Amino acid sequence: MEKNGARMVSAYATLGRYDIVAIFEAPDAKTAAKISALIAQKGNFRAETLAAVGMEEFIQSVKG
């Protein structure tokens, strides 16, 4: 991830719909999409990428 401009924050093994949840930071959506595509190339699995915003930033954006 680092060579593509992102940083792994944490990863979790989960029970339920998803077996693994990985959290990483990327400078923009284009970089996140690239990393998601590179990971998908590595194996036989399905991935879902979700953008996240911290609660404080979200609250400020809603307030305008």
PDB file of N, CA and C in Angstrom:
ATOM      1  N   MET A   1       0.801  -1.191   0.000  1.00  0.00           N
ATOM      2  CA  MET A   1       0.000   0.000   0.000  1.00  0.00           C
ATOM      3  C   MET A   1       0.848   1.260   0.000  1.00  0.00           C
ATOM      4  N   GLU A   2       1.923   1.230   0.764  1.00  0.00           N
ATOM      5  CA  GLU A   2       2.749   2.432   0.895  1.00  0.00           C
ATOM      6  C   GLU A   2       3.302   2.901  -0.455  1.00  0.00           C
ATOM      7  N   LYS A   3       3.707   1.953  -1.309  1.00  0.00           N
ATOM      8  CA  LYS A   3       4.278   2.361  -2.589  1.00  0.00           C
ATOM      9  C   LYS A   3       3.220   2.963  -3.520  1.00  0.00           C
ATOM     10  N   ASN A   4       1.952   2.799  -3.175  1.00  0.00           N
ATOM     11  CA  ASN A   4       0.869   3.396  -3.952  1.00  0.00           C
ATOM     12  C   ASN A   4       0.267   4.612  -3.257  1.00  0.00           C
ATOM     13  N   GLY A   5       0.887   5.067  -2.179  1.00  0.00           N
ATOM     14  CA  GLY A   5       0.464   6.295  -1.530  1.00  0.00           C
ATOM     15  C   GLY A   5      -0.572   6.145  -0.441  1.00  0.00           C
ATOM     16  N   ALA A   6      -0.792   4.928   0.043  1.00  0.00           N
ATOM     17  CA  ALA A   6      -1.775   4.706   1.107  1.00  0.00           C
ATOM     18  C   ALA A   6      -1.099   4.099   2.327  1.00  0.00           C
ATOM     19  N   ARG A   7      -1.863   4.015   3.414  1.00  0.00           N
ATOM     20  CA  ARG A   7      -1.327   3.474   4.660  1.00  0.00           C
ATOM     21  C   ARG A   7      -2.361   2.574   5.303  1.00  0.00           C
ATOM     22  N   MET A   8      -1.952   1.338   5.630  1.00  0.00           N
ATOM     23  CA  MET A   8      -2.838   0.418   6.334  1.00  0.00           C
ATOM     24  C   MET A   8      -2.991   0.891   7.776  1.00  0.00           C
ATOM     25  N   VAL A   9      -4.226   1.052   8.214  1.00  0.00           N
ATOM     26  CA  VAL A   9      -4.502   1.493   9.580  1.00  0.00           C
ATOM     27  C   VAL A   9      -4.714   0.291  10.477  1.00  0.00           C
ATOM     28  N   SER A  10      -5.588  -0.631  10.055  1.00  0.00           N
ATOM     29  CA  SER A  10      -5.838  -1.848  10.831  1.00  0.00           C
ATOM     30  C   SER A  10      -6.592  -2.852   9.974  1.00  0.00           C
ATOM     31  N   ALA A  11      -6.633  -4.080  10.454  1.00  0.00           N
ATOM     32  CA  ALA A  11      -7.377  -5.137   9.773  1.00  0.00           C
ATOM     33  C   ALA A  11      -7.985  -6.045  10.834  1.00  0.00           C
ATOM     34  N   TYR A  12      -9.165  -6.567  10.526  1.00  0.00           N
ATOM     35  CA  TYR A  12      -9.894  -7.404  11.477  1.00  0.00           C
ATOM     36  C   TYR A  12     -10.447  -8.631  10.767  1.00  0.00           C
ATOM     37  N   ALA A  13     -10.404  -9.772  11.421  1.00  0.00           N
ATOM     38  CA  ALA A  13     -11.134 -10.958  10.975  1.00  0.00           C
ATOM     39  C   ALA A  13     -12.514 -10.842  11.611  1.00  0.00           C
ATOM     40  N   THR A  14     -13.556 -11.018  10.798  1.00  0.00           N
ATOM     41  CA  THR A  14     -14.916 -10.813  11.298  1.00  0.00           C
ATOM     42  C   THR A  14     -15.784 -12.034  11.021  1.00  0.00           C
ATOM     43  N   LEU A  15     -16.875 -12.125  11.753  1.00  0.00           N
ATOM     44  CA  LEU A  15     -17.875 -13.156  11.533  1.00  0.00           C
ATOM     45  C   LEU A  15     -19.057 -12.512  10.821  1.00  0.00           C
ATOM     46  N   GLY A  16     -19.693 -13.231   9.945  1.00  0.00           N
ATOM     47  CA  GLY A  16     -20.840 -12.674   9.242  1.00  0.00           C
ATOM     48  C   GLY A  16     -20.564 -12.515   7.768  1.00  0.00           C
ATOM     49  N   ARG A  17     -21.137 -11.480   7.175  1.00  0.00           N
ATOM     50  CA  ARG A  17     -21.071 -11.276   5.726  1.00  0.00           C
ATOM     51  C   ARG A  17     -19.639 -11.150   5.208  1.00  0.00           C
ATOM     52  N   TYR A  18     -18.780 -10.503   5.957  1.00  0.00           N
ATOM     53  CA  TYR A  18     -17.395 -10.285   5.524  1.00  0.00           C
ATOM     54  C   TYR A  18     -16.451 -11.067   6.417  1.00  0.00           C
ATOM     55  N   ASP A  19     -15.444 -11.670   5.802  1.00  0.00           N
ATOM     56  CA  ASP A  19     -14.450 -12.424   6.565  1.00  0.00           C
ATOM     57  C   ASP A  19     -13.342 -11.530   7.087  1.00  0.00           C
ATOM     58  N   ILE A  20     -13.019 -10.490   6.325  1.00  0.00           N
ATOM     59  CA  ILE A  20     -11.947  -9.575   6.700  1.00  0.00           C
ATOM     60  C   ILE A  20     -12.392  -8.147   6.428  1.00  0.00           C
ATOM     61  N   VAL A  21     -12.086  -7.260   7.356  1.00  0.00           N
ATOM     62  CA  VAL A  21     -12.296  -5.828   7.170  1.00  0.00           C
ATOM     63  C   VAL A  21     -10.933  -5.165   7.320  1.00  0.00           C
ATOM     64  N   ALA A  22     -10.487  -4.480   6.278  1.00  0.00           N
ATOM     65  CA  ALA A  22      -9.207  -3.771   6.313  1.00  0.00           C
ATOM     66  C   ALA A  22      -9.481  -2.284   6.206  1.00  0.00           C
ATOM     67  N   ILE A  23      -8.843  -1.519   7.059  1.00  0.00           N
ATOM     68  CA  ILE A  23      -9.005  -0.068   7.067  1.00  0.00           C
ATOM     69  C   ILE A  23      -7.688   0.554   6.645  1.00  0.00           C
ATOM     70  N   PHE A  24      -7.747   1.357   5.577  1.00  0.00           N
ATOM     71  CA  PHE A  24      -6.547   2.044   5.128  1.00  0.00           C
ATOM     72  C   PHE A  24      -6.863   3.488   4.788  1.00  0.00           C
ATOM     73  N   GLU A  25      -5.844   4.319   4.843  1.00  0.00           N
ATOM     74  CA  GLU A  25      -5.971   5.733   4.497  1.00  0.00           C
ATOM     75  C   GLU A  25      -5.319   5.962   3.149  1.00  0.00           C
ATOM     76  N   ALA A  26      -6.006   6.704   2.296  1.00  0.00           N
ATOM     77  CA  ALA A  26      -5.474   7.069   0.986  1.00  0.00           C
ATOM     78  C   ALA A  26      -5.702   8.566   0.792  1.00  0.00           C
ATOM     79  N   PRO A  27      -4.860   9.210   0.014  1.00  0.00           N
ATOM     80  CA  PRO A  27      -4.995  10.663  -0.158  1.00  0.00           C
ATOM     81  C   PRO A  27      -6.245  11.081  -0.936  1.00  0.00           C
ATOM     82  N   ASP A  28      -6.799  10.157  -1.747  1.00  0.00           N
ATOM     83  CA  ASP A  28      -7.984  10.509  -2.530  1.00  0.00           C
ATOM     84  C   ASP A  28      -8.686   9.233  -2.989  1.00  0.00           C
ATOM     85  N   ALA A  29      -9.871   9.396  -3.587  1.00  0.00           N
ATOM     86  CA  ALA A  29     -10.670   8.251  -4.028  1.00  0.00           C
ATOM     87  C   ALA A  29      -9.993   7.483  -5.157  1.00  0.00           C
ATOM     88  N   LYS A  30      -9.269   8.171  -6.021  1.00  0.00           N
ATOM     89  CA  LYS A  30      -8.573   7.506  -7.129  1.00  0.00           C
ATOM     90  C   LYS A  30      -7.533   6.525  -6.598  1.00  0.00           C
ATOM     91  N   THR A  31      -6.781   6.932  -5.607  1.00  0.00           N
ATOM     92  CA  THR A  31      -5.774   6.054  -5.004  1.00  0.00           C
ATOM     93  C   THR A  31      -6.438   4.876  -4.307  1.00  0.00           C
ATOM     94  N   ALA A  32      -7.526   5.121  -3.593  1.00  0.00           N
ATOM     95  CA  ALA A  32      -8.247   4.040  -2.918  1.00  0.00           C
ATOM     96  C   ALA A  32      -8.780   3.033  -3.929  1.00  0.00           C
ATOM     97  N   ALA A  33      -9.307   3.515  -5.045  1.00  0.00           N
ATOM     98  CA  ALA A  33      -9.823   2.617  -6.084  1.00  0.00           C
ATOM     99  C   ALA A  33      -8.699   1.773  -6.678  1.00  0.00           C
ATOM    100  N   LYS A  34      -7.544   2.381  -6.889  1.00  0.00           N
ATOM    101  CA  LYS A  34      -6.401   1.650  -7.432  1.00  0.00           C
ATOM    102  C   LYS A  34      -5.979   0.535  -6.480  1.00  0.00           C
ATOM    103  N   ILE A  35      -5.884   0.843  -5.203  1.00  0.00           N
ATOM    104  CA  ILE A  35      -5.468  -0.153  -4.220  1.00  0.00           C
ATOM    105  C   ILE A  35      -6.502  -1.273  -4.128  1.00  0.00           C
ATOM    106  N   SER A  36      -7.772  -0.928  -4.153  1.00  0.00           N
ATOM    107  CA  SER A  36      -8.818  -1.941  -4.123  1.00  0.00           C
ATOM    108  C   SER A  36      -8.706  -2.869  -5.326  1.00  0.00           C
ATOM    109  N   ALA A  37      -8.458  -2.315  -6.509  1.00  0.00           N
ATOM    110  CA  ALA A  37      -8.305  -3.130  -7.718  1.00  0.00           C
ATOM    111  C   ALA A  37      -7.071  -4.022  -7.629  1.00  0.00           C
ATOM    112  N   LEU A  38      -5.976  -3.499  -7.100  1.00  0.00           N
ATOM    113  CA  LEU A  38      -4.755  -4.301  -6.958  1.00  0.00           C
ATOM    114  C   LEU A  38      -4.963  -5.459  -5.985  1.00  0.00           C
ATOM    115  N   ILE A  39      -5.687  -5.219  -4.911  1.00  0.00           N
ATOM    116  CA  ILE A  39      -5.970  -6.281  -3.946  1.00  0.00           C
ATOM    117  C   ILE A  39      -6.864  -7.336  -4.580  1.00  0.00           C
ATOM    118  N   ALA A  40      -7.860  -6.912  -5.337  1.00  0.00           N
ATOM    119  CA  ALA A  40      -8.792  -7.844  -5.972  1.00  0.00           C
ATOM    120  C   ALA A  40      -8.081  -8.767  -6.961  1.00  0.00           C
ATOM    121  N   GLN A  41      -6.996  -8.302  -7.567  1.00  0.00           N
ATOM    122  CA  GLN A  41      -6.235  -9.117  -8.506  1.00  0.00           C
ATOM    123  C   GLN A  41      -5.506 -10.278  -7.826  1.00  0.00           C
ATOM    124  N   LYS A  42      -5.321 -10.183  -6.529  1.00  0.00           N
ATOM    125  CA  LYS A  42      -4.479 -11.152  -5.813  1.00  0.00           C
ATOM    126  C   LYS A  42      -5.170 -12.466  -5.470  1.00  0.00           C
ATOM    127  N   GLY A  43      -6.504 -12.536  -5.554  1.00  0.00           N
ATOM    128  CA  GLY A  43      -7.129 -13.776  -5.126  1.00  0.00           C
ATOM    129  C   GLY A  43      -8.566 -13.898  -5.582  1.00  0.00           C
ATOM    130  N   ASN A  44      -9.179 -14.978  -5.153  1.00  0.00           N
ATOM    131  CA  ASN A  44     -10.547 -15.282  -5.515  1.00  0.00           C
ATOM    132  C   ASN A  44     -11.481 -14.826  -4.391  1.00  0.00           C
ATOM    133  N   PHE A  45     -11.811 -13.555  -4.397  1.00  0.00           N
ATOM    134  CA  PHE A  45     -12.708 -13.015  -3.381  1.00  0.00           C
ATOM    135  C   PHE A  45     -13.396 -11.779  -3.923  1.00  0.00           C
ATOM    136  N   ARG A  46     -14.406 -11.360  -3.228  1.00  0.00           N
ATOM    137  CA  ARG A  46     -15.119 -10.138  -3.600  1.00  0.00           C
ATOM    138  C   ARG A  46     -14.765  -9.056  -2.595  1.00  0.00           C
ATOM    139  N   ALA A  47     -14.613  -7.861  -3.104  1.00  0.00           N
ATOM    140  CA  ALA A  47     -14.268  -6.738  -2.231  1.00  0.00           C
ATOM    141  C   ALA A  47     -15.314  -5.642  -2.373  1.00  0.00           C
ATOM    142  N   GLU A  48     -15.498  -4.906  -1.311  1.00  0.00           N
ATOM    143  CA  GLU A  48     -16.366  -3.731  -1.329  1.00  0.00           C
ATOM    144  C   GLU A  48     -15.582  -2.605  -0.672  1.00  0.00           C
ATOM    145  N   THR A  49     -15.443  -1.500  -1.378  1.00  0.00           N
ATOM    146  CA  THR A  49     -14.696  -0.358  -0.857  1.00  0.00           C
ATOM    147  C   THR A  49     -15.685   0.706  -0.412  1.00  0.00           C
ATOM    148  N   LEU A  50     -15.527   1.174   0.809  1.00  0.00           N
ATOM    149  CA  LEU A  50     -16.408   2.189   1.377  1.00  0.00           C
ATOM    150  C   LEU A  50     -15.575   3.386   1.823  1.00  0.00           C
ATOM    151  N   ALA A  51     -15.936   4.553   1.358  1.00  0.00           N
ATOM    152  CA  ALA A  51     -15.264   5.766   1.833  1.00  0.00           C
ATOM    153  C   ALA A  51     -15.834   6.123   3.200  1.00  0.00           C
ATOM    154  N   ALA A  52     -14.987   6.603   4.072  1.00  0.00           N
ATOM    155  CA  ALA A  52     -15.425   6.974   5.421  1.00  0.00           C
ATOM    156  C   ALA A  52     -14.927   8.367   5.759  1.00  0.00           C
ATOM    157  N   VAL A  53     -15.719   9.076   6.543  1.00  0.00           N
ATOM    158  CA  VAL A  53     -15.374  10.415   7.011  1.00  0.00           C
ATOM    159  C   VAL A  53     -15.500  10.399   8.528  1.00  0.00           C
ATOM    160  N   GLY A  54     -14.537  10.990   9.216  1.00  0.00           N
ATOM    161  CA  GLY A  54     -14.605  11.079  10.675  1.00  0.00           C
ATOM    162  C   GLY A  54     -15.860  11.829  11.117  1.00  0.00           C
ATOM    163  N   MET A  55     -16.363  11.493  12.293  1.00  0.00           N
ATOM    164  CA  MET A  55     -17.613  12.095  12.770  1.00  0.00           C
ATOM    165  C   MET A  55     -17.541  13.618  12.871  1.00  0.00           C
ATOM    166  N   GLU A  56     -16.438  14.151  13.378  1.00  0.00           N
ATOM    167  CA  GLU A  56     -16.320  15.605  13.491  1.00  0.00           C
ATOM    168  C   GLU A  56     -16.381  16.281  12.124  1.00  0.00           C
ATOM    169  N   GLU A  57     -15.664  15.718  11.166  1.00  0.00           N
ATOM    170  CA  GLU A  57     -15.674  16.270   9.812  1.00  0.00           C
ATOM    171  C   GLU A  57     -17.075  16.159   9.206  1.00  0.00           C
ATOM    172  N   PHE A  58     -17.746  15.047   9.440  1.00  0.00           N
ATOM    173  CA  PHE A  58     -19.099  14.868   8.932  1.00  0.00           C
ATOM    174  C   PHE A  58     -20.052  15.897   9.536  1.00  0.00           C
ATOM    175  N   ILE A  59     -19.984  16.068  10.849  1.00  0.00           N
ATOM    176  CA  ILE A  59     -20.868  17.030  11.515  1.00  0.00           C
ATOM    177  C   ILE A  59     -20.618  18.434  10.989  1.00  0.00           C
ATOM    178  N   GLN A  60     -19.374  18.812  10.812  1.00  0.00           N
ATOM    179  CA  GLN A  60     -19.058  20.145  10.284  1.00  0.00           C
ATOM    180  C   GLN A  60     -19.582  20.322   8.868  1.00  0.00           C
ATOM    181  N   SER A  61     -19.492  19.279   8.036  1.00  0.00           N
ATOM    182  CA  SER A  61     -19.982  19.399   6.665  1.00  0.00           C
ATOM    183  C   SER A  61     -21.498  19.517   6.614  1.00  0.00           C
ATOM    184  N   VAL A  62     -22.190  18.883   7.548  1.00  0.00           N
ATOM    185  CA  VAL A  62     -23.652  18.970   7.597  1.00  0.00           C
ATOM    186  C   VAL A  62     -24.080  20.365   8.079  1.00  0.00           C
ATOM    187  N   LYS A  63     -23.341  20.917   9.024  1.00  0.00           N
ATOM    188  CA  LYS A  63     -23.667  22.246   9.546  1.00  0.00           C
ATOM    189  C   LYS A  63     -23.447  23.324   8.495  1.00  0.00           C
ATOM    190  N   GLY A  64     -22.534  23.051   7.551  1.00  0.00           N
ATOM    191  CA  GLY A  64     -22.273  24.032   6.495  1.00  0.00           C
ATOM    192  C   GLY A  64     -21.327  25.022   6.934  1.00  0.00           C
TER     193      GLY A  64
END
